[in-house]
Amino acid sequence: MDAICQRTSQALAGPHLQLQDWVLDQGSVHVDETGWRTSGEGRALWTATTPAAAFFQIAEHCNREQFNALIGAYAGIVVSDRWNGYSHLDPNQRQVCWSHRQRDFRRHADGLAEQKTFGEHGLPLTGRVFAAGRAYQHEHHDRDRLKREIAPIQTELRALLEAAGPKSRRTRWHRRFANNLLKVWPALWTFTTIAEHASYYSSRRVVAGAGAAG
């Protein structure tokens, strides 16, 4: 498999660069990374995807420097998870993945006491985000209606996060998560204001599929 990847990489070097240029010329791009092994050594498989194309790159590292090497000074919207390697991005030019947030709240809902209550309140809010997003994408295509449907979710979620933010024994298992979401607050809602081709989930399913195939 490693030899096949190397030969394919060499043969397609030119078209690969052209594809990278095309993907990064789009208004939004979904970026993700996952573990990969080459000749038994740890590597990272990176992807930058759009609805029309996917760009893959096997790199030596999984860090911010490698991310910068992948997309450079990209001026569009980056859709991603909350990995620290993306923390330098402007929240106003970013969309944080809601699929990951749904899993986060589900994990907290499996906890105890205040953490469980926090997760049980947050989980239905993520479901309402997805319901509003699906209705916009597949039914009405009315962005003003989408914003109206999202507005009460924003109010409820903000109150939930702010209540969990202060340092307390009761919030010790979930306050960091709550405060981190507040730090990237604008990036939770970019999908309500930008062009249709941006979404509210990351490209994890694409990368995970490629990793499994490898």
N, C-alpha and C. Protein backbone atom coordinates (compact mmCIF):
# COMPACT_ATOMS: atom_id res chain seq x y z
N MET A 1 0.83 -1.21 0.00
CA MET A 1 0.00 0.00 0.00
C MET A 1 0.86 1.26 0.00
N ASP A 2 1.93 1.26 0.82
CA ASP A 2 2.81 2.43 0.86
C ASP A 2 3.43 2.70 -0.51
N ALA A 3 3.89 1.62 -1.17
CA ALA A 3 4.51 1.78 -2.49
C ALA A 3 3.51 2.30 -3.51
N ILE A 4 2.28 1.82 -3.43
CA ILE A 4 1.23 2.30 -4.35
C ILE A 4 0.99 3.79 -4.13
N CYS A 5 0.92 4.20 -2.86
CA CYS A 5 0.71 5.62 -2.55
C CYS A 5 1.85 6.47 -3.10
N GLN A 6 3.07 6.00 -2.96
CA GLN A 6 4.23 6.76 -3.43
C GLN A 6 4.19 6.90 -4.95
N ARG A 7 3.93 5.81 -5.67
CA ARG A 7 3.89 5.88 -7.14
C ARG A 7 2.75 6.77 -7.61
N THR A 8 1.61 6.63 -6.96
CA THR A 8 0.45 7.47 -7.32
C THR A 8 0.75 8.94 -7.07
N SER A 9 1.40 9.23 -5.94
CA SER A 9 1.75 10.61 -5.61
C SER A 9 2.65 11.22 -6.66
N GLN A 10 3.64 10.47 -7.09
CA GLN A 10 4.57 10.98 -8.11
C GLN A 10 3.88 11.20 -9.44
N ALA A 11 3.02 10.25 -9.83
CA ALA A 11 2.36 10.34 -11.13
C ALA A 11 1.35 11.48 -11.18
N LEU A 12 0.75 11.79 -10.05
CA LEU A 12 -0.33 12.79 -10.03
C LEU A 12 0.08 14.09 -9.36
N ALA A 13 1.38 14.34 -9.23
CA ALA A 13 1.85 15.54 -8.54
C ALA A 13 1.28 16.81 -9.14
N GLY A 14 1.32 16.93 -10.46
CA GLY A 14 0.80 18.14 -11.13
C GLY A 14 -0.68 18.34 -10.91
N PRO A 15 -1.53 17.35 -11.28
CA PRO A 15 -2.97 17.49 -11.04
C PRO A 15 -3.32 17.69 -9.56
N HIS A 16 -2.53 17.09 -8.68
CA HIS A 16 -2.77 17.22 -7.23
C HIS A 16 -2.63 18.68 -6.80
N LEU A 17 -1.61 19.34 -7.28
CA LEU A 17 -1.40 20.76 -6.95
C LEU A 17 -2.50 21.62 -7.55
N GLN A 18 -2.92 21.28 -8.77
CA GLN A 18 -4.00 22.03 -9.40
C GLN A 18 -5.30 21.88 -8.60
N LEU A 19 -5.55 20.65 -8.12
CA LEU A 19 -6.74 20.40 -7.32
C LEU A 19 -6.68 21.19 -6.01
N GLN A 20 -5.50 21.21 -5.38
CA GLN A 20 -5.34 21.98 -4.15
C GLN A 20 -5.64 23.45 -4.40
N ASP A 21 -5.11 24.00 -5.48
CA ASP A 21 -5.36 25.41 -5.81
C ASP A 21 -6.85 25.65 -6.01
N TRP A 22 -7.52 24.73 -6.69
CA TRP A 22 -8.96 24.91 -6.97
C TRP A 22 -9.76 24.88 -5.67
N VAL A 23 -9.48 23.89 -4.82
CA VAL A 23 -10.21 23.75 -3.55
C VAL A 23 -10.04 25.01 -2.71
N LEU A 24 -8.81 25.53 -2.64
CA LEU A 24 -8.54 26.69 -1.80
C LEU A 24 -8.98 27.99 -2.44
N ASP A 25 -9.50 27.91 -3.63
CA ASP A 25 -10.07 29.09 -4.28
C ASP A 25 -11.57 29.22 -4.02
N GLN A 26 -12.13 28.25 -3.29
CA GLN A 26 -13.56 28.27 -2.98
C GLN A 26 -13.83 29.10 -1.73
N GLY A 27 -15.09 29.47 -1.56
CA GLY A 27 -15.44 30.36 -0.45
C GLY A 27 -15.41 29.72 0.92
N SER A 28 -15.51 28.39 0.98
CA SER A 28 -15.42 27.69 2.25
C SER A 28 -14.78 26.34 2.01
N VAL A 29 -14.11 25.81 3.03
CA VAL A 29 -13.44 24.53 2.89
C VAL A 29 -13.54 23.78 4.23
N HIS A 30 -13.81 22.50 4.14
CA HIS A 30 -13.87 21.64 5.32
C HIS A 30 -12.50 21.01 5.52
N VAL A 31 -11.92 21.20 6.68
CA VAL A 31 -10.58 20.70 6.96
C VAL A 31 -10.62 19.72 8.12
N ASP A 32 -9.89 18.62 7.98
CA ASP A 32 -9.81 17.64 9.06
C ASP A 32 -8.53 16.84 8.93
N GLU A 33 -8.24 16.08 9.97
CA GLU A 33 -7.01 15.29 10.00
C GLU A 33 -7.25 14.03 10.81
N THR A 34 -6.50 12.99 10.50
CA THR A 34 -6.61 11.74 11.24
C THR A 34 -5.27 11.01 11.16
N GLY A 35 -5.08 10.03 12.03
CA GLY A 35 -3.83 9.29 12.03
C GLY A 35 -3.65 8.43 10.79
N TRP A 36 -2.41 8.23 10.41
CA TRP A 36 -2.07 7.44 9.22
C TRP A 36 -0.69 6.84 9.44
N ARG A 37 -0.48 5.66 8.92
CA ARG A 37 0.83 5.02 9.08
C ARG A 37 1.45 4.77 7.71
N THR A 38 2.72 5.16 7.56
CA THR A 38 3.47 4.95 6.33
C THR A 38 4.75 4.21 6.68
N SER A 39 4.91 3.02 6.09
CA SER A 39 6.07 2.17 6.42
C SER A 39 6.19 1.95 7.92
N GLY A 40 5.05 1.83 8.58
CA GLY A 40 5.03 1.57 10.01
C GLY A 40 5.23 2.78 10.89
N GLU A 41 5.43 3.95 10.31
CA GLU A 41 5.66 5.17 11.09
C GLU A 41 4.40 6.04 11.10
N GLY A 42 4.20 6.72 12.23
CA GLY A 42 3.04 7.57 12.37
C GLY A 42 3.08 8.79 11.47
N ARG A 43 2.01 9.02 10.77
CA ARG A 43 1.84 10.19 9.92
C ARG A 43 0.43 10.74 10.14
N ALA A 44 0.10 11.78 9.41
CA ALA A 44 -1.25 12.36 9.50
C ALA A 44 -1.83 12.48 8.10
N LEU A 45 -3.07 12.08 7.95
CA LEU A 45 -3.78 12.27 6.70
C LEU A 45 -4.65 13.51 6.84
N TRP A 46 -4.36 14.51 6.05
CA TRP A 46 -5.11 15.76 6.06
C TRP A 46 -6.04 15.81 4.85
N THR A 47 -7.14 16.49 5.02
CA THR A 47 -8.02 16.73 3.88
C THR A 47 -8.59 18.13 3.91
N ALA A 48 -8.76 18.69 2.74
CA ALA A 48 -9.49 19.95 2.55
C ALA A 48 -10.54 19.65 1.50
N THR A 49 -11.81 19.76 1.85
CA THR A 49 -12.87 19.34 0.95
C THR A 49 -13.90 20.43 0.71
N THR A 50 -14.57 20.31 -0.43
CA THR A 50 -15.73 21.13 -0.78
C THR A 50 -16.79 20.16 -1.27
N PRO A 51 -18.01 20.62 -1.53
CA PRO A 51 -19.01 19.70 -2.07
C PRO A 51 -18.61 19.09 -3.41
N ALA A 52 -17.70 19.75 -4.14
CA ALA A 52 -17.35 19.27 -5.49
C ALA A 52 -16.03 18.52 -5.56
N ALA A 53 -15.16 18.67 -4.57
CA ALA A 53 -13.83 18.06 -4.66
C ALA A 53 -13.24 17.85 -3.27
N ALA A 54 -12.33 16.89 -3.18
CA ALA A 54 -11.62 16.60 -1.92
C ALA A 54 -10.14 16.49 -2.20
N PHE A 55 -9.35 17.21 -1.40
CA PHE A 55 -7.90 17.22 -1.53
C PHE A 55 -7.30 16.50 -0.34
N PHE A 56 -6.49 15.46 -0.57
CA PHE A 56 -5.88 14.70 0.52
C PHE A 56 -4.36 14.87 0.48
N GLN A 57 -3.78 14.85 1.68
CA GLN A 57 -2.32 14.96 1.77
C GLN A 57 -1.84 14.18 3.00
N ILE A 58 -0.90 13.25 2.79
CA ILE A 58 -0.28 12.53 3.89
C ILE A 58 0.94 13.34 4.32
N ALA A 59 0.96 13.74 5.58
CA ALA A 59 2.01 14.63 6.08
C ALA A 59 2.71 14.00 7.28
N GLU A 60 3.87 14.52 7.58
CA GLU A 60 4.66 13.97 8.68
C GLU A 60 4.06 14.31 10.04
N HIS A 61 3.42 15.49 10.13
CA HIS A 61 2.97 15.95 11.43
C HIS A 61 1.47 16.28 11.43
N CYS A 62 0.92 16.30 12.62
CA CYS A 62 -0.44 16.78 12.84
C CYS A 62 -0.33 17.95 13.80
N ASN A 63 -0.07 19.14 13.27
CA ASN A 63 0.10 20.32 14.11
C ASN A 63 -0.31 21.56 13.33
N ARG A 64 -0.24 22.70 14.00
CA ARG A 64 -0.66 23.95 13.36
C ARG A 64 0.20 24.29 12.15
N GLU A 65 1.49 24.02 12.24
CA GLU A 65 2.38 24.32 11.12
C GLU A 65 1.98 23.53 9.88
N GLN A 66 1.59 22.27 10.09
CA GLN A 66 1.17 21.45 8.95
C GLN A 66 -0.15 21.96 8.38
N PHE A 67 -1.04 22.39 9.26
CA PHE A 67 -2.30 22.98 8.80
C PHE A 67 -2.03 24.22 7.96
N ASN A 68 -1.13 25.08 8.42
CA ASN A 68 -0.79 26.28 7.65
C ASN A 68 -0.17 25.93 6.31
N ALA A 69 0.62 24.85 6.28
CA ALA A 69 1.23 24.42 5.02
C ALA A 69 0.17 23.89 4.06
N LEU A 70 -0.91 23.32 4.63
CA LEU A 70 -1.96 22.76 3.80
C LEU A 70 -2.79 23.84 3.11
N ILE A 71 -3.22 24.86 3.88
CA ILE A 71 -4.13 25.84 3.29
C ILE A 71 -3.54 27.22 3.14
N GLY A 72 -2.37 27.49 3.76
CA GLY A 72 -1.75 28.80 3.60
C GLY A 72 -2.61 29.92 4.13
N ALA A 73 -2.52 31.07 3.48
CA ALA A 73 -3.30 32.25 3.92
C ALA A 73 -4.68 32.20 3.29
N TYR A 74 -5.45 31.22 3.67
CA TYR A 74 -6.79 31.03 3.11
C TYR A 74 -7.73 32.11 3.61
N ALA A 75 -8.47 32.72 2.70
CA ALA A 75 -9.31 33.86 3.06
C ALA A 75 -10.77 33.50 3.28
N GLY A 76 -11.13 32.24 3.02
CA GLY A 76 -12.53 31.85 3.15
C GLY A 76 -12.88 31.33 4.53
N ILE A 77 -14.00 30.61 4.60
CA ILE A 77 -14.49 30.03 5.84
C ILE A 77 -13.92 28.63 6.00
N VAL A 78 -13.33 28.35 7.17
CA VAL A 78 -12.80 27.02 7.48
C VAL A 78 -13.81 26.30 8.38
N VAL A 79 -14.29 25.16 7.91
CA VAL A 79 -15.20 24.33 8.70
C VAL A 79 -14.36 23.22 9.33
N SER A 80 -14.41 23.11 10.67
CA SER A 80 -13.52 22.16 11.35
C SER A 80 -14.10 21.77 12.70
N ASP A 81 -13.39 20.86 13.38
CA ASP A 81 -13.72 20.59 14.76
C ASP A 81 -13.00 21.61 15.65
N ARG A 82 -12.93 21.35 16.96
CA ARG A 82 -12.34 22.33 17.88
C ARG A 82 -10.91 21.97 18.27
N TRP A 83 -10.23 21.18 17.47
CA TRP A 83 -8.85 20.83 17.76
C TRP A 83 -8.01 22.11 17.95
N ASN A 84 -7.05 22.05 18.88
CA ASN A 84 -6.25 23.24 19.22
C ASN A 84 -5.48 23.80 18.04
N GLY A 85 -5.18 22.95 17.06
CA GLY A 85 -4.45 23.42 15.89
C GLY A 85 -5.20 24.44 15.07
N TYR A 86 -6.51 24.57 15.34
CA TYR A 86 -7.33 25.55 14.62
C TYR A 86 -7.64 26.77 15.49
N SER A 87 -7.13 26.80 16.71
CA SER A 87 -7.53 27.83 17.66
C SER A 87 -7.08 29.23 17.25
N HIS A 88 -6.09 29.34 16.36
CA HIS A 88 -5.61 30.65 15.94
C HIS A 88 -6.53 31.29 14.90
N LEU A 89 -7.47 30.53 14.37
CA LEU A 89 -8.36 31.06 13.33
C LEU A 89 -9.32 32.08 13.91
N ASP A 90 -9.64 33.08 13.12
CA ASP A 90 -10.64 34.08 13.50
C ASP A 90 -12.00 33.41 13.59
N PRO A 91 -12.69 33.45 14.74
CA PRO A 91 -14.00 32.80 14.85
C PRO A 91 -15.01 33.31 13.83
N ASN A 92 -14.80 34.52 13.33
CA ASN A 92 -15.71 35.07 12.33
C ASN A 92 -15.44 34.53 10.93
N GLN A 93 -14.35 33.78 10.76
CA GLN A 93 -14.04 33.15 9.48
C GLN A 93 -13.92 31.64 9.65
N ARG A 94 -14.79 31.13 10.49
CA ARG A 94 -14.71 29.72 10.84
C ARG A 94 -16.10 29.20 11.16
N GLN A 95 -16.35 27.93 10.87
CA GLN A 95 -17.56 27.25 11.31
C GLN A 95 -17.14 26.02 12.10
N VAL A 96 -17.53 25.97 13.37
CA VAL A 96 -17.22 24.82 14.22
C VAL A 96 -18.25 23.73 13.98
N CYS A 97 -17.78 22.51 13.89
CA CYS A 97 -18.62 21.36 13.55
C CYS A 97 -19.65 21.07 14.64
N TRP A 98 -20.94 20.99 14.25
CA TRP A 98 -21.99 20.69 15.20
C TRP A 98 -22.13 19.21 15.49
N SER A 99 -21.68 18.34 14.59
CA SER A 99 -21.70 16.91 14.89
C SER A 99 -20.82 16.61 16.09
N HIS A 100 -19.65 17.25 16.15
CA HIS A 100 -18.76 17.08 17.30
C HIS A 100 -19.41 17.63 18.56
N ARG A 101 -20.11 18.77 18.46
CA ARG A 101 -20.74 19.34 19.64
C ARG A 101 -21.84 18.43 20.16
N GLN A 102 -22.57 17.81 19.24
CA GLN A 102 -23.61 16.88 19.67
C GLN A 102 -23.02 15.71 20.46
N ARG A 103 -21.89 15.18 19.98
CA ARG A 103 -21.23 14.10 20.70
C ARG A 103 -20.70 14.58 22.05
N ASP A 104 -20.21 15.82 22.11
CA ASP A 104 -19.73 16.37 23.38
C ASP A 104 -20.86 16.43 24.41
N PHE A 105 -22.01 16.95 24.01
CA PHE A 105 -23.12 17.06 24.95
C PHE A 105 -23.63 15.67 25.34
N ARG A 106 -23.61 14.73 24.43
CA ARG A 106 -24.03 13.36 24.76
C ARG A 106 -23.09 12.76 25.81
N ARG A 107 -21.78 13.02 25.66
CA ARG A 107 -20.81 12.52 26.63
C ARG A 107 -21.07 13.13 28.01
N HIS A 108 -21.36 14.43 28.05
CA HIS A 108 -21.64 15.06 29.34
C HIS A 108 -22.95 14.53 29.93
N ALA A 109 -23.93 14.23 29.06
CA ALA A 109 -25.20 13.70 29.55
C ALA A 109 -25.04 12.33 30.19
N ASP A 110 -23.95 11.63 29.86
CA ASP A 110 -23.66 10.34 30.48
C ASP A 110 -22.93 10.49 31.82
N GLY A 111 -22.66 11.73 32.22
CA GLY A 111 -21.96 11.97 33.48
C GLY A 111 -22.90 11.93 34.67
N LEU A 112 -22.49 12.61 35.72
CA LEU A 112 -23.27 12.61 36.95
C LEU A 112 -23.60 14.04 37.38
N ALA A 113 -24.63 14.16 38.19
CA ALA A 113 -24.98 15.42 38.85
C ALA A 113 -25.07 16.59 37.86
N GLU A 114 -24.36 17.70 38.17
CA GLU A 114 -24.45 18.91 37.35
C GLU A 114 -23.99 18.66 35.91
N GLN A 115 -22.97 17.84 35.75
CA GLN A 115 -22.50 17.54 34.40
C GLN A 115 -23.60 16.86 33.59
N LYS A 116 -24.29 15.92 34.17
CA LYS A 116 -25.37 15.22 33.49
C LYS A 116 -26.49 16.18 33.09
N THR A 117 -26.86 17.05 34.03
CA THR A 117 -27.91 18.04 33.76
C THR A 117 -27.50 18.96 32.62
N PHE A 118 -26.24 19.39 32.65
CA PHE A 118 -25.71 20.24 31.58
C PHE A 118 -25.84 19.54 30.23
N GLY A 119 -25.39 18.30 30.15
CA GLY A 119 -25.45 17.56 28.89
C GLY A 119 -26.88 17.33 28.43
N GLU A 120 -27.77 17.02 29.37
CA GLU A 120 -29.16 16.75 29.02
C GLU A 120 -29.88 18.00 28.53
N HIS A 121 -29.44 19.17 28.97
CA HIS A 121 -30.01 20.42 28.46
C HIS A 121 -29.42 20.78 27.10
N GLY A 122 -28.13 20.50 26.92
CA GLY A 122 -27.47 20.88 25.68
C GLY A 122 -27.80 19.98 24.51
N LEU A 123 -27.98 18.69 24.78
CA LEU A 123 -28.19 17.74 23.69
C LEU A 123 -29.41 18.05 22.83
N PRO A 124 -30.57 18.37 23.41
CA PRO A 124 -31.72 18.73 22.58
C PRO A 124 -31.49 20.00 21.75
N LEU A 125 -30.67 20.91 22.26
CA LEU A 125 -30.38 22.12 21.50
C LEU A 125 -29.62 21.79 20.22
N THR A 126 -28.70 20.83 20.30
CA THR A 126 -27.98 20.45 19.08
C THR A 126 -28.93 19.80 18.08
N GLY A 127 -29.89 19.03 18.60
CA GLY A 127 -30.88 18.44 17.70
C GLY A 127 -31.71 19.49 17.00
N ARG A 128 -32.04 20.57 17.69
CA ARG A 128 -32.81 21.64 17.07
C ARG A 128 -31.98 22.39 16.02
N VAL A 129 -30.65 22.51 16.26
CA VAL A 129 -29.78 23.12 15.25
C VAL A 129 -29.82 22.30 13.97
N PHE A 130 -29.69 20.98 14.09
CA PHE A 130 -29.71 20.12 12.92
C PHE A 130 -31.06 20.16 12.22
N ALA A 131 -32.13 20.20 12.99
CA ALA A 131 -33.47 20.25 12.39
C ALA A 131 -33.65 21.53 11.59
N ALA A 132 -33.22 22.66 12.16
CA ALA A 132 -33.33 23.93 11.45
C ALA A 132 -32.45 23.94 10.20
N GLY A 133 -31.24 23.40 10.32
CA GLY A 133 -30.34 23.35 9.18
C GLY A 133 -30.87 22.48 8.06
N ARG A 134 -31.42 21.32 8.41
CA ARG A 134 -31.98 20.43 7.38
C ARG A 134 -33.18 21.06 6.70
N ALA A 135 -34.03 21.72 7.49
CA ALA A 135 -35.20 22.38 6.90
C ALA A 135 -34.77 23.45 5.91
N TYR A 136 -33.74 24.20 6.25
CA TYR A 136 -33.24 25.24 5.35
C TYR A 136 -32.68 24.61 4.07
N GLN A 137 -31.87 23.57 4.22
CA GLN A 137 -31.21 22.97 3.07
C GLN A 137 -32.15 22.24 2.13
N HIS A 138 -33.18 21.58 2.70
CA HIS A 138 -34.00 20.68 1.89
C HIS A 138 -35.44 21.11 1.69
N GLU A 139 -35.87 22.18 2.39
CA GLU A 139 -37.27 22.56 2.29
C GLU A 139 -37.48 24.00 1.82
N HIS A 140 -37.13 24.98 2.67
CA HIS A 140 -37.56 26.34 2.38
C HIS A 140 -36.47 27.24 1.79
N HIS A 141 -35.19 27.00 2.04
CA HIS A 141 -34.08 27.81 1.52
C HIS A 141 -34.24 29.30 1.86
N ASP A 142 -34.85 29.59 2.98
CA ASP A 142 -35.09 30.96 3.42
C ASP A 142 -34.13 31.27 4.57
N ARG A 143 -33.08 32.07 4.28
CA ARG A 143 -32.07 32.32 5.29
C ARG A 143 -32.63 33.14 6.46
N ASP A 144 -33.54 34.06 6.20
CA ASP A 144 -34.14 34.83 7.29
C ASP A 144 -34.92 33.91 8.23
N ARG A 145 -35.63 32.95 7.66
CA ARG A 145 -36.35 31.98 8.50
C ARG A 145 -35.37 31.14 9.31
N LEU A 146 -34.27 30.74 8.68
CA LEU A 146 -33.24 29.98 9.40
C LEU A 146 -32.74 30.77 10.60
N LYS A 147 -32.46 32.05 10.41
CA LYS A 147 -31.96 32.88 11.51
C LYS A 147 -33.01 32.98 12.62
N ARG A 148 -34.29 33.12 12.24
CA ARG A 148 -35.35 33.22 13.26
C ARG A 148 -35.45 31.93 14.06
N GLU A 149 -35.29 30.79 13.40
CA GLU A 149 -35.39 29.51 14.09
C GLU A 149 -34.16 29.25 14.97
N ILE A 150 -33.02 29.77 14.57
CA ILE A 150 -31.80 29.56 15.33
C ILE A 150 -31.71 30.51 16.53
N ALA A 151 -32.31 31.69 16.42
CA ALA A 151 -32.17 32.73 17.47
C ALA A 151 -32.52 32.22 18.87
N PRO A 152 -33.66 31.57 19.10
CA PRO A 152 -33.96 31.11 20.47
C PRO A 152 -32.99 30.01 20.94
N ILE A 153 -32.46 29.23 20.00
CA ILE A 153 -31.47 28.21 20.37
C ILE A 153 -30.20 28.90 20.86
N GLN A 154 -29.81 29.97 20.17
CA GLN A 154 -28.63 30.73 20.60
C GLN A 154 -28.82 31.27 22.01
N THR A 155 -29.99 31.83 22.27
CA THR A 155 -30.27 32.40 23.59
C THR A 155 -30.18 31.34 24.69
N GLU A 156 -30.81 30.19 24.44
CA GLU A 156 -30.81 29.12 25.44
C GLU A 156 -29.41 28.54 25.64
N LEU A 157 -28.69 28.34 24.55
CA LEU A 157 -27.36 27.76 24.66
C LEU A 157 -26.40 28.71 25.37
N ARG A 158 -26.48 29.98 25.05
CA ARG A 158 -25.60 30.95 25.70
C ARG A 158 -25.83 30.96 27.21
N ALA A 159 -27.09 30.94 27.60
CA ALA A 159 -27.41 30.93 29.03
C ALA A 159 -26.87 29.66 29.69
N LEU A 160 -26.99 28.53 29.02
CA LEU A 160 -26.49 27.27 29.55
C LEU A 160 -24.98 27.30 29.73
N LEU A 161 -24.27 27.81 28.73
CA LEU A 161 -22.81 27.87 28.79
C LEU A 161 -22.32 28.85 29.84
N GLU A 162 -22.96 30.00 29.91
CA GLU A 162 -22.53 31.00 30.89
C GLU A 162 -22.79 30.52 32.31
N ALA A 163 -23.86 29.78 32.53
CA ALA A 163 -24.14 29.25 33.87
C ALA A 163 -23.10 28.21 34.27
N ALA A 164 -22.54 27.51 33.29
CA ALA A 164 -21.56 26.46 33.57
C ALA A 164 -20.14 27.01 33.62
N GLY A 165 -19.93 28.24 33.20
CA GLY A 165 -18.59 28.79 33.07
C GLY A 165 -17.85 29.09 34.35
N PRO A 166 -18.49 29.65 35.38
CA PRO A 166 -17.76 30.02 36.61
C PRO A 166 -17.13 28.81 37.28
N LYS A 167 -15.98 29.04 37.90
CA LYS A 167 -15.26 27.96 38.57
C LYS A 167 -16.02 27.51 39.81
N SER A 168 -16.30 26.22 39.84
CA SER A 168 -17.06 25.65 40.95
C SER A 168 -16.84 24.15 40.95
N ARG A 169 -16.95 23.54 42.14
CA ARG A 169 -16.83 22.09 42.19
C ARG A 169 -17.90 21.42 41.36
N ARG A 170 -19.07 22.01 41.33
CA ARG A 170 -20.20 21.38 40.61
C ARG A 170 -20.00 21.41 39.11
N THR A 171 -19.20 22.33 38.61
CA THR A 171 -19.03 22.47 37.15
C THR A 171 -17.66 22.01 36.67
N ARG A 172 -16.90 21.34 37.56
CA ARG A 172 -15.51 21.06 37.20
C ARG A 172 -15.36 20.13 36.01
N TRP A 173 -16.39 19.31 35.70
CA TRP A 173 -16.26 18.37 34.60
C TRP A 173 -16.71 18.94 33.26
N HIS A 174 -17.38 20.07 33.27
CA HIS A 174 -17.89 20.59 32.00
C HIS A 174 -17.65 22.08 31.78
N ARG A 175 -17.10 22.80 32.78
CA ARG A 175 -16.93 24.25 32.59
C ARG A 175 -15.89 24.58 31.52
N ARG A 176 -14.85 23.76 31.38
CA ARG A 176 -13.84 24.05 30.35
C ARG A 176 -14.47 23.97 28.96
N PHE A 177 -15.27 22.94 28.76
CA PHE A 177 -15.99 22.80 27.49
C PHE A 177 -16.89 24.01 27.26
N ALA A 178 -17.64 24.41 28.28
CA ALA A 178 -18.55 25.55 28.16
C ALA A 178 -17.78 26.83 27.81
N ASN A 179 -16.69 27.09 28.52
CA ASN A 179 -15.92 28.30 28.27
C ASN A 179 -15.26 28.28 26.89
N ASN A 180 -14.82 27.11 26.45
CA ASN A 180 -14.22 27.02 25.11
C ASN A 180 -15.24 27.30 24.02
N LEU A 181 -16.48 26.86 24.22
CA LEU A 181 -17.51 27.18 23.24
C LEU A 181 -17.81 28.68 23.21
N LEU A 182 -17.79 29.30 24.38
CA LEU A 182 -18.02 30.75 24.43
C LEU A 182 -16.91 31.51 23.71
N LYS A 183 -15.68 30.98 23.77
CA LYS A 183 -14.56 31.64 23.09
C LYS A 183 -14.73 31.64 21.57
N VAL A 184 -15.35 30.60 21.05
CA VAL A 184 -15.52 30.51 19.59
C VAL A 184 -16.98 30.75 19.19
N TRP A 185 -17.71 31.45 20.03
CA TRP A 185 -19.16 31.62 19.85
C TRP A 185 -19.54 32.00 18.41
N PRO A 186 -18.93 33.00 17.78
CA PRO A 186 -19.34 33.35 16.41
C PRO A 186 -19.19 32.18 15.44
N ALA A 187 -18.20 31.31 15.69
CA ALA A 187 -17.93 30.20 14.78
C ALA A 187 -18.98 29.10 14.88
N LEU A 188 -19.84 29.16 15.89
CA LEU A 188 -20.93 28.19 15.97
C LEU A 188 -22.05 28.50 14.98
N TRP A 189 -22.13 29.76 14.56
CA TRP A 189 -23.32 30.21 13.82
C TRP A 189 -23.00 30.76 12.44
N THR A 190 -21.79 30.58 11.96
CA THR A 190 -21.42 31.10 10.65
C THR A 190 -22.35 30.58 9.56
N PHE A 191 -22.81 29.35 9.69
CA PHE A 191 -23.66 28.75 8.65
C PHE A 191 -24.98 29.48 8.48
N THR A 192 -25.37 30.31 9.45
CA THR A 192 -26.63 31.04 9.32
C THR A 192 -26.48 32.31 8.49
N THR A 193 -25.26 32.74 8.23
CA THR A 193 -25.06 34.03 7.58
C THR A 193 -24.29 33.99 6.27
N ILE A 194 -23.54 32.92 6.00
CA ILE A 194 -22.73 32.89 4.79
C ILE A 194 -23.41 32.11 3.69
N ALA A 195 -22.74 32.05 2.54
CA ALA A 195 -23.31 31.42 1.36
C ALA A 195 -23.67 29.95 1.61
N GLU A 196 -24.53 29.42 0.79
CA GLU A 196 -25.11 28.10 1.01
C GLU A 196 -24.09 26.97 1.06
N HIS A 197 -22.94 27.13 0.40
CA HIS A 197 -22.05 25.98 0.30
C HIS A 197 -21.30 25.69 1.59
N ALA A 198 -21.40 26.55 2.60
CA ALA A 198 -20.79 26.22 3.89
C ALA A 198 -21.79 25.44 4.73
N SER A 199 -21.30 24.57 5.58
CA SER A 199 -22.17 23.73 6.37
C SER A 199 -21.80 23.82 7.84
N TYR A 200 -22.47 23.00 8.65
CA TYR A 200 -22.26 23.08 10.09
C TYR A 200 -21.67 21.78 10.63
N TYR A 201 -21.10 20.98 9.76
CA TYR A 201 -20.38 19.79 10.21
C TYR A 201 -19.07 19.73 9.47
N SER A 202 -18.09 19.03 10.05
CA SER A 202 -16.76 18.97 9.45
C SER A 202 -16.67 17.80 8.49
N SER A 203 -15.48 17.61 7.90
CA SER A 203 -15.29 16.54 6.93
C SER A 203 -14.79 15.27 7.58
N ARG A 204 -15.02 15.06 8.87
CA ARG A 204 -14.54 13.88 9.58
C ARG A 204 -14.96 12.59 8.88
N ARG A 205 -16.22 12.55 8.38
CA ARG A 205 -16.68 11.31 7.75
C ARG A 205 -15.86 11.00 6.51
N VAL A 206 -15.39 12.02 5.79
CA VAL A 206 -14.58 11.80 4.61
C VAL A 206 -13.21 11.25 4.99
N VAL A 207 -12.57 11.86 5.97
CA VAL A 207 -11.24 11.44 6.39
C VAL A 207 -11.29 10.06 7.04
N ALA A 208 -12.29 9.83 7.87
CA ALA A 208 -12.40 8.54 8.54
C ALA A 208 -12.56 7.43 7.52
N GLY A 209 -13.33 7.70 6.47
CA GLY A 209 -13.51 6.70 5.42
C GLY A 209 -12.21 6.41 4.70
N ALA A 210 -11.44 7.45 4.44
CA ALA A 210 -10.16 7.25 3.76
C ALA A 210 -9.20 6.49 4.64
N GLY A 211 -9.20 6.80 5.94
CA GLY A 211 -8.30 6.11 6.84
C GLY A 211 -8.65 4.63 6.93
N ALA A 212 -9.97 4.33 6.95
CA ALA A 212 -10.36 2.94 7.03
C ALA A 212 -9.97 2.19 5.76
N ALA A 213 -10.09 2.88 4.63
CA ALA A 213 -9.73 2.24 3.37
C ALA A 213 -8.27 1.94 3.31
N GLY A 214 -7.45 2.76 3.99
CA GLY A 214 -6.01 2.55 3.95
C GLY A 214 -5.56 1.42 4.85
